[in-house]
Amino acid sequence: MSHELRTPLNAVLGFSQLLKTGMAGELNEKQKRYTNNIITSGDFLLNLINDILDLSKIEAGKIELIKENISVPQSIEETTLLIKERERRHNIVFENEFDPKLDYIEADEQRLKQILFNLLSNAVKFSKPEGGVIKIITRKADESAEISVSDTGIGIKPENIDKLFLKFEQLEKGISERYGGTGLGLAISRQLVELHGGKIWAESEFGKGSIFTFTLPFKKEAS
């Protein structure tokens, strides 16, 4: 399914990008607008396919964590840099508050970065038009690492908190059209956190911002 779904879509995106560069001839303004719409819609569909395939693999037990000793601050900084590069148009200030007692943990670095990327992307996406502050806090808590991503965005209504980590759950009518995204990032993040043996939860004040926190044990006990 991965090959069958991605291959034709990558061809659509690839040829659309070629058209946009003008290599096949200059486009008029209307054609440029149509080409941009194809690329935007194609990217959205590719992200949706990737998320669905990721979720399917996790639920089928097909994802094996590749655990190694990794630096938590370094993983966070690398992920934050990636977000900054992608989201330059947002007037967002990023702040870090790292616990000096928390450095290396045993975890799958790729999956940790995926969790962080999902949380940071949401924080940017649901920021207010004027921008805001996103803060990443780490804390050594008992036998686990605790990582929080807080924002000063639009916040979440109390009745929607319990729906956040559910698959294909629409919090509010029209929210996906307004802000974009597949709506599966938090469900995938929860599965990856739990696969590590950790927990994830959210707190929010509607209109003022949200805090997403997850824990990863230093070492998951063998079952």
Protein backbone atom coordinates (compact mmCIF):
# COMPACT_ATOMS: atom_id res chain seq x y z
CA MET A 1 0.00 0.00 0.00
CA SER A 2 2.85 2.37 0.80
CA HIS A 3 4.30 1.99 -2.71
CA GLU A 4 0.93 1.97 -4.48
CA LEU A 5 -0.25 5.16 -2.79
CA ARG A 6 2.95 7.20 -2.68
CA THR A 7 4.37 6.51 -6.16
CA PRO A 8 1.59 8.11 -8.27
CA LEU A 9 1.20 10.97 -5.81
CA ASN A 10 4.93 11.71 -5.89
CA ALA A 11 4.69 11.82 -9.69
CA VAL A 12 1.84 14.34 -9.49
CA LEU A 13 3.84 16.51 -7.07
CA GLY A 14 7.07 16.16 -9.05
CA PHE A 15 5.57 17.21 -12.38
CA SER A 16 3.64 20.03 -10.67
CA GLN A 17 6.91 21.34 -9.23
CA LEU A 18 8.47 21.20 -12.71
CA LEU A 19 5.56 23.17 -14.15
CA LYS A 20 5.93 25.75 -11.37
CA THR A 21 9.63 26.31 -12.18
CA GLY A 22 8.74 27.13 -15.81
CA MET A 23 10.96 24.36 -17.25
CA ALA A 24 8.12 23.28 -19.56
CA GLY A 25 7.28 26.85 -20.51
CA GLU A 26 6.23 29.98 -18.68
CA LEU A 27 2.86 29.86 -16.90
CA ASN A 28 0.38 32.70 -16.74
CA GLU A 29 -0.95 33.86 -13.35
CA LYS A 30 -4.02 31.63 -13.44
CA GLN A 31 -1.93 28.56 -14.35
CA LYS A 32 0.52 29.36 -11.52
CA ARG A 33 -2.40 29.56 -9.09
CA TYR A 34 -3.78 26.22 -10.28
CA THR A 35 -0.34 24.60 -10.03
CA ASN A 36 0.12 25.90 -6.48
CA ASN A 37 -3.30 24.45 -5.57
CA ILE A 38 -2.24 21.05 -6.94
CA ILE A 39 0.99 21.13 -4.91
CA THR A 40 -0.75 22.26 -1.71
CA SER A 41 -3.47 19.60 -2.01
CA GLY A 42 -0.91 16.94 -2.97
CA ASP A 43 1.27 17.74 0.04
CA PHE A 44 -1.77 17.51 2.31
CA LEU A 45 -2.73 14.14 0.84
CA LEU A 46 0.84 12.81 1.11
CA ASN A 47 0.98 13.82 4.79
CA LEU A 48 -2.36 12.13 5.38
CA ILE A 49 -1.16 8.92 3.69
CA ASN A 50 2.07 8.97 5.73
CA ASP A 51 0.13 9.45 8.98
CA ILE A 52 -2.38 6.68 8.20
CA LEU A 53 0.41 4.26 7.26
CA ASP A 54 2.36 5.17 10.40
CA LEU A 55 -0.70 4.62 12.58
CA SER A 56 -1.48 1.32 10.85
CA LYS A 57 2.06 0.04 11.40
CA ILE A 58 1.99 1.01 15.08
CA GLU A 59 -1.37 -0.65 15.70
CA ALA A 60 -0.29 -3.78 13.83
CA GLY A 61 2.84 -3.99 15.97
CA LYS A 62 5.05 -3.51 12.91
CA ILE A 63 7.13 -0.68 14.37
CA GLU A 64 10.14 -1.68 16.43
CA LEU A 65 11.84 1.00 18.46
CA ILE A 66 15.55 1.40 17.80
CA LYS A 67 16.68 2.45 21.26
CA GLU A 68 20.00 4.07 22.01
CA ASN A 69 21.43 6.63 24.41
CA ILE A 70 20.39 10.00 23.02
CA SER A 71 20.77 13.58 24.22
CA VAL A 72 17.36 15.08 25.01
CA PRO A 73 18.50 18.73 24.64
CA GLN A 74 20.17 18.00 21.31
CA SER A 75 17.11 16.18 19.93
CA ILE A 76 14.88 19.09 20.98
CA GLU A 77 17.19 21.73 19.47
CA GLU A 78 17.44 19.86 16.15
CA THR A 79 13.66 19.47 15.94
CA THR A 80 13.07 23.12 16.88
CA LEU A 81 15.48 24.22 14.15
CA LEU A 82 13.52 22.18 11.61
CA ILE A 83 10.27 23.83 12.71
CA LYS A 84 11.82 27.30 12.51
CA GLU A 85 12.98 26.65 8.95
CA ARG A 86 9.51 25.54 7.88
CA GLU A 87 7.50 28.17 9.76
CA ARG A 88 9.34 31.43 9.11
CA ARG A 89 6.10 33.24 8.25
CA HIS A 90 4.84 32.93 11.83
CA ASN A 91 5.99 35.52 14.37
CA ILE A 92 6.87 32.90 16.96
CA VAL A 93 9.46 33.14 19.73
CA PHE A 94 10.91 29.80 20.86
CA GLU A 95 12.17 29.41 24.42
CA ASN A 96 13.87 26.48 26.16
CA GLU A 97 14.07 25.61 29.84
CA PHE A 98 16.20 22.49 30.16
CA ASP A 99 16.75 20.63 33.43
CA PRO A 100 20.56 20.27 33.77
CA LYS A 101 19.95 16.93 35.51
CA LEU A 102 18.27 15.54 32.39
CA ASP A 103 20.54 14.79 29.48
CA TYR A 104 20.80 11.28 28.06
CA ILE A 105 17.96 8.76 27.98
CA GLU A 106 17.44 5.43 26.24
CA ALA A 107 14.90 6.00 23.45
CA ASP A 108 14.31 5.88 19.71
CA GLU A 109 15.64 9.25 18.54
CA GLN A 110 13.69 9.29 15.27
CA ARG A 111 10.42 8.64 17.09
CA LEU A 112 11.22 11.16 19.85
CA LYS A 113 11.77 13.79 17.17
CA GLN A 114 8.52 12.75 15.48
CA ILE A 115 6.61 13.29 18.75
CA LEU A 116 8.28 16.67 19.28
CA PHE A 117 7.69 17.71 15.68
CA ASN A 118 3.97 16.92 15.95
CA LEU A 119 3.60 18.90 19.19
CA LEU A 120 5.64 21.87 17.95
CA SER A 121 3.82 21.91 14.59
CA ASN A 122 0.48 22.07 16.40
CA ALA A 123 1.73 24.85 18.67
CA VAL A 124 2.76 26.89 15.62
CA LYS A 125 -0.36 26.04 13.63
CA PHE A 126 -2.74 27.12 16.39
CA SER A 127 -0.84 30.26 17.31
CA LYS A 128 -2.63 33.59 17.19
CA PRO A 129 -2.33 35.80 14.08
CA GLU A 130 0.03 38.17 15.89
CA GLY A 131 2.36 35.28 16.82
CA GLY A 132 3.29 34.16 20.32
CA VAL A 133 5.68 32.18 22.49
CA ILE A 134 6.37 28.45 22.38
CA LYS A 135 8.31 27.10 25.33
CA ILE A 136 9.90 23.67 25.69
CA ILE A 137 10.57 22.51 29.25
CA THR A 138 12.38 19.35 30.33
CA ARG A 139 12.42 17.88 33.81
CA LYS A 140 13.91 14.80 35.39
CA ALA A 141 10.98 13.16 37.19
CA ASP A 142 11.64 9.99 39.19
CA GLU A 143 12.56 7.31 36.64
CA SER A 144 11.45 9.21 33.56
CA ALA A 145 12.10 12.25 31.42
CA GLU A 146 9.25 14.77 31.32
CA ILE A 147 9.01 17.07 28.31
CA SER A 148 6.43 19.86 27.92
CA VAL A 149 5.55 22.06 24.97
CA SER A 150 3.56 25.15 25.95
CA ASP A 151 2.15 27.86 23.70
CA THR A 152 0.22 31.12 23.89
CA GLY A 153 -2.15 30.17 21.08
CA ILE A 154 -5.91 29.86 20.71
CA GLY A 155 -6.25 27.13 23.34
CA ILE A 156 -8.73 24.26 23.55
CA LYS A 157 -12.24 24.21 24.96
CA PRO A 158 -12.61 22.04 28.10
CA GLU A 159 -15.10 19.71 26.41
CA ASN A 160 -12.56 18.93 23.67
CA ILE A 161 -9.58 17.95 25.83
CA ASP A 162 -10.60 14.27 26.00
CA LYS A 163 -10.91 14.10 22.20
CA LEU A 164 -7.40 15.33 21.45
CA PHE A 165 -5.61 12.01 21.13
CA LEU A 166 -8.41 10.14 19.32
CA LYS A 167 -8.11 9.17 15.67
CA PHE A 168 -10.18 11.09 13.11
CA GLU A 169 -11.89 13.11 15.83
CA GLN A 170 -12.86 16.61 14.71
CA LEU A 171 -12.78 18.99 17.68
CA GLU A 172 -14.77 21.72 16.02
CA LYS A 173 -16.61 22.08 12.74
CA GLY A 174 -14.39 23.77 10.17
CA ILE A 175 -11.21 23.70 12.24
CA SER A 176 -9.33 21.49 9.76
CA GLU A 177 -10.33 23.76 6.88
CA ARG A 178 -9.21 26.83 8.84
CA TYR A 179 -5.89 25.53 10.15
CA GLY A 180 -5.05 22.53 7.95
CA GLY A 181 -3.39 19.30 9.04
CA THR A 182 -4.45 15.67 9.03
CA GLY A 183 -5.67 15.48 12.63
CA LEU A 184 -3.67 12.30 13.23
CA GLY A 185 -0.46 13.79 14.65
CA LEU A 186 -1.57 13.63 18.29
CA ALA A 187 -2.95 10.09 17.94
CA ILE A 188 0.39 8.97 16.48
CA SER A 189 2.30 10.82 19.20
CA ARG A 190 0.27 9.07 21.90
CA GLN A 191 0.94 5.66 20.35
CA LEU A 192 4.68 6.35 20.08
CA VAL A 193 4.88 7.62 23.67
CA GLU A 194 3.01 4.56 24.96
CA LEU A 195 5.22 2.29 22.84
CA HIS A 196 8.14 3.70 24.85
CA GLY A 197 6.22 3.00 28.06
CA GLY A 198 5.40 6.64 28.75
CA LYS A 199 2.30 8.85 29.06
CA ILE A 200 1.04 11.99 27.33
CA TRP A 201 -1.59 14.53 28.37
CA ALA A 202 -2.76 18.08 27.69
CA GLU A 203 -3.86 21.10 29.70
CA SER A 204 -5.37 24.22 28.17
CA GLU A 205 -7.14 27.49 28.82
CA PHE A 206 -9.31 28.45 25.90
CA GLY A 207 -8.11 31.64 24.27
CA LYS A 208 -4.84 31.70 26.22
CA GLY A 209 -2.82 28.65 25.22
CA SER A 210 -2.05 24.99 25.83
CA ILE A 211 0.54 22.73 27.42
CA PHE A 212 1.25 19.23 26.08
CA THR A 213 3.39 17.04 28.31
CA PHE A 214 4.77 13.55 27.80
CA THR A 215 7.06 11.25 29.74
CA LEU A 216 9.58 8.68 28.54
CA PRO A 217 11.07 6.23 31.03
CA PHE A 218 14.87 6.15 31.15
CA LYS A 219 14.63 2.43 30.47
CA LYS A 220 11.50 0.44 29.71
CA GLU A 221 11.30 -2.72 31.79
CA ALA A 222 11.28 -5.96 29.82
CA SER A 223 7.82 -7.51 29.65
